[in-house]
Amino acid sequence: MPVVSFPGHIHVIDSISQVKSAVNALQTASCVGFDTETRPTFKRGERHNIALLQLSTDSDAFLFRVNKTGIPAPLKQYLENAEHIKVGVSTTDDFHQLSRVCDFTPRGFVELQQSVKQYDITDMSLQKIYAILFQQKISKGQQLSNWEATQLTEAQQRYAAIDAWACLRIYEYLQEGNFVPQESPFWHEITEEI
């Protein structure tokens, strides 16, 4: 399968002064994709807080470096605003992790793992859902990289942007009624392909 590439612009938000304008840009979209990244742990009992929070429109991905900025008031208010739809996968896990950084009440979130059940999709990872719908592969090569690094590499930025943007693309595709499970060449075989 061809590998997915992000078609838009990536904005790394690593200072509090950048947060408000990024949130203002996000508020112009009726729906965005959502994801988070955490530095991996390789020792038993070791635990890290979320380092990156990604929100993406169709054209722009905003990568909030939470390990540097925390969750400032404009971002917290956006995450709690039910009028702005945020779409993600395994969001309950993300909420639990985010609550260790900031006490907030998530509103306006759509869980894709629930949405795809009506299409008899049982493989719940973002990578597999995306492949079933679009016959493209999301590379996971950067998943275990250091998300707390001083600077994010271009590969990390692309990976993070794609994960949030892919959630939005899946949601919009399903909302438009474009997916017919029986017509997908990977509907049944996808678990063996990835």
Protein backbone atom coordinates (compact mmCIF):
# COMPACT_ATOMS: atom_id res chain seq x y z
CA MET A 1 0.00 0.00 0.00
CA PRO A 2 1.23 3.55 -0.67
CA VAL A 3 2.27 5.51 2.42
CA VAL A 4 0.16 8.49 3.50
CA SER A 5 1.67 11.97 3.30
CA PHE A 6 0.30 15.08 4.98
CA PRO A 7 -0.90 17.59 2.36
CA GLY A 8 -1.00 20.72 4.52
CA HIS A 9 1.08 23.07 6.64
CA ILE A 10 2.56 22.09 10.00
CA HIS A 11 2.81 24.61 12.84
CA VAL A 12 4.90 23.73 15.89
CA ILE A 13 3.59 25.61 18.94
CA ASP A 14 6.38 25.59 21.51
CA SER A 15 5.79 28.84 23.40
CA ILE A 16 2.76 30.14 25.29
CA SER A 17 2.75 33.29 23.14
CA GLN A 18 1.86 31.19 20.06
CA VAL A 19 -1.09 29.36 21.61
CA LYS A 20 -3.84 31.97 21.27
CA SER A 21 -3.34 32.59 17.55
CA ALA A 22 -3.19 28.83 16.90
CA VAL A 23 -6.46 28.28 18.78
CA ASN A 24 -8.04 31.19 16.88
CA ALA A 25 -7.11 29.47 13.61
CA LEU A 26 -8.58 26.17 14.83
CA GLN A 27 -11.84 27.86 15.79
CA THR A 28 -12.50 28.71 12.15
CA ALA A 29 -12.89 24.99 11.40
CA SER A 30 -16.11 23.21 12.32
CA CYS A 31 -14.23 19.96 12.95
CA VAL A 32 -10.60 18.98 13.63
CA GLY A 33 -8.59 15.81 14.12
CA PHE A 34 -7.07 15.15 17.53
CA ASP A 35 -4.19 13.07 18.87
CA THR A 36 -1.40 13.12 21.45
CA GLU A 37 2.13 11.78 21.72
CA THR A 38 4.07 10.74 24.81
CA ARG A 39 7.74 9.94 25.18
CA PRO A 40 8.04 6.14 25.23
CA THR A 41 9.12 4.33 28.37
CA PHE A 42 11.61 1.50 28.28
CA LYS A 43 11.92 0.82 32.01
CA ARG A 44 9.36 -0.85 34.24
CA GLY A 45 7.53 1.69 36.41
CA GLU A 46 8.76 4.67 34.34
CA ARG A 47 6.04 7.07 33.25
CA HIS A 48 6.03 10.26 31.19
CA ASN A 49 3.39 12.92 30.73
CA ILE A 50 2.00 13.82 27.33
CA ALA A 51 4.56 15.81 25.38
CA LEU A 52 2.57 16.75 22.28
CA LEU A 53 -1.08 17.51 21.53
CA GLN A 54 -2.03 17.61 17.85
CA LEU A 55 -5.07 19.32 16.35
CA SER A 56 -5.49 19.39 12.59
CA THR A 57 -7.84 20.97 10.08
CA ASP A 58 -7.94 19.80 6.46
CA SER A 59 -5.06 22.15 5.63
CA ASP A 60 -3.15 22.93 8.83
CA ALA A 61 -1.81 20.81 11.69
CA PHE A 62 -1.00 22.50 14.99
CA LEU A 63 1.46 20.61 17.18
CA PHE A 64 1.25 21.93 20.74
CA ARG A 65 4.41 21.04 22.68
CA VAL A 66 2.63 20.52 25.98
CA ASN A 67 5.87 19.49 27.70
CA LYS A 68 7.07 23.08 27.13
CA THR A 69 3.85 25.12 27.41
CA GLY A 70 1.49 23.07 29.54
CA ILE A 71 -2.15 23.60 28.54
CA PRO A 72 -2.72 27.37 28.60
CA ALA A 73 -6.22 28.80 29.09
CA PRO A 74 -7.09 29.29 25.37
CA LEU A 75 -6.22 25.68 24.58
CA LYS A 76 -8.06 24.35 27.64
CA GLN A 77 -11.17 26.37 26.70
CA TYR A 78 -11.02 24.98 23.16
CA LEU A 79 -10.80 21.39 24.44
CA GLU A 80 -13.80 22.05 26.68
CA ASN A 81 -15.91 23.74 23.99
CA ALA A 82 -18.68 21.42 22.84
CA GLU A 83 -19.36 23.54 19.74
CA HIS A 84 -16.03 22.60 18.17
CA ILE A 85 -15.89 18.94 17.13
CA LYS A 86 -12.62 17.13 17.84
CA VAL A 87 -12.20 13.63 16.39
CA GLY A 88 -9.75 11.03 17.65
CA VAL A 89 -9.01 7.38 18.34
CA SER A 90 -8.67 5.97 21.88
CA THR A 91 -9.59 9.38 23.25
CA THR A 92 -10.31 8.07 26.75
CA ASP A 93 -6.64 7.17 27.12
CA ASP A 94 -5.65 10.63 25.88
CA PHE A 95 -8.02 12.32 28.35
CA HIS A 96 -6.58 10.32 31.22
CA GLN A 97 -3.03 11.30 30.24
CA LEU A 98 -3.97 14.95 29.68
CA SER A 99 -5.65 15.17 33.07
CA ARG A 100 -2.21 14.66 34.62
CA VAL A 101 -1.08 17.87 32.90
CA CYS A 102 -4.23 19.95 33.41
CA ASP A 103 -7.60 19.42 35.03
CA PHE A 104 -10.14 19.79 32.23
CA THR A 105 -13.51 18.45 31.08
CA PRO A 106 -13.34 17.26 27.46
CA ARG A 107 -16.35 18.28 25.36
CA GLY A 108 -17.17 18.04 21.67
CA PHE A 109 -15.10 14.89 21.12
CA VAL A 110 -16.00 12.09 18.72
CA GLU A 111 -14.47 8.64 19.26
CA LEU A 112 -13.78 7.00 15.89
CA GLN A 113 -13.64 3.54 17.42
CA GLN A 114 -17.34 3.93 18.17
CA SER A 115 -18.16 5.50 14.79
CA VAL A 116 -16.71 2.68 12.70
CA LYS A 117 -18.60 -0.09 14.48
CA GLN A 118 -21.68 0.52 12.34
CA TYR A 119 -19.54 -0.37 9.30
CA ASP A 120 -18.52 -3.71 10.85
CA ILE A 121 -14.94 -2.53 11.17
CA THR A 122 -13.49 -4.42 14.11
CA ASP A 123 -9.82 -3.44 13.81
CA MET A 124 -9.72 -0.33 15.94
CA SER A 125 -6.25 1.13 15.38
CA LEU A 126 -6.02 4.34 13.36
CA GLN A 127 -3.62 2.67 10.96
CA LYS A 128 -6.03 -0.16 10.16
CA ILE A 129 -9.15 1.99 9.93
CA TYR A 130 -7.37 4.35 7.53
CA ALA A 131 -6.11 1.47 5.38
CA ILE A 132 -9.60 -0.04 5.13
CA LEU A 133 -11.10 3.25 3.96
CA PHE A 134 -8.33 4.65 1.77
CA GLN A 135 -6.02 1.72 0.90
CA GLN A 136 -3.06 3.72 2.19
CA LYS A 137 -0.65 2.99 5.02
CA ILE A 138 0.13 5.31 7.92
CA SER A 139 3.80 4.82 8.76
CA LYS A 140 4.47 4.24 12.47
CA GLY A 141 8.23 4.75 12.17
CA GLN A 142 8.34 7.72 14.56
CA GLN A 143 5.95 6.37 17.19
CA LEU A 144 8.70 5.43 19.66
CA SER A 145 10.85 8.51 19.10
CA ASN A 146 11.62 11.06 21.82
CA TRP A 147 8.67 13.47 21.86
CA GLU A 148 10.38 15.56 24.54
CA ALA A 149 13.42 16.31 22.35
CA THR A 150 14.61 19.91 22.27
CA GLN A 151 13.54 20.13 18.61
CA LEU A 152 11.12 17.84 16.80
CA THR A 153 12.56 16.43 13.59
CA GLU A 154 10.70 16.90 10.32
CA ALA A 155 9.86 13.19 10.37
CA GLN A 156 8.33 13.54 13.85
CA GLN A 157 6.33 16.58 12.75
CA ARG A 158 4.95 14.79 9.69
CA TYR A 159 4.06 11.71 11.73
CA ALA A 160 2.27 13.76 14.40
CA ALA A 161 0.41 15.85 11.81
CA ILE A 162 -0.76 12.76 9.91
CA ASP A 163 -2.14 11.06 13.03
CA ALA A 164 -4.44 14.00 13.81
CA TRP A 165 -5.32 14.79 10.17
CA ALA A 166 -6.12 11.13 9.42
CA CYS A 167 -8.75 11.12 12.19
CA LEU A 168 -10.44 14.12 10.60
CA ARG A 169 -10.27 12.62 7.10
CA ILE A 170 -11.84 9.35 8.27
CA TYR A 171 -14.64 11.19 10.07
CA GLU A 172 -15.45 13.44 7.10
CA TYR A 173 -15.39 10.49 4.70
CA LEU A 174 -17.83 8.51 6.83
CA GLN A 175 -20.08 11.54 7.44
CA GLU A 176 -20.35 12.09 3.69
CA GLY A 177 -21.54 8.49 3.27
CA ASN A 178 -18.67 7.58 0.96
CA PHE A 179 -17.74 4.25 2.54
CA VAL A 180 -19.42 1.03 1.46
CA PRO A 181 -17.75 -1.81 3.42
CA GLN A 182 -18.45 -4.51 0.86
CA GLU A 183 -16.71 -2.44 -1.83
CA SER A 184 -13.49 -2.04 0.16
CA PRO A 185 -10.83 -4.47 -1.06
CA PHE A 186 -9.35 -4.55 2.45
CA TRP A 187 -12.49 -4.79 4.55
CA HIS A 188 -11.87 -8.45 5.46
CA GLU A 189 -8.16 -8.87 4.76
CA ILE A 190 -6.74 -5.73 6.38
CA THR A 191 -5.59 -7.37 9.61
CA GLU A 192 -3.26 -9.62 7.65
CA GLU A 193 -1.89 -6.81 5.47
CA ILE A 194 -0.65 -4.41 8.17
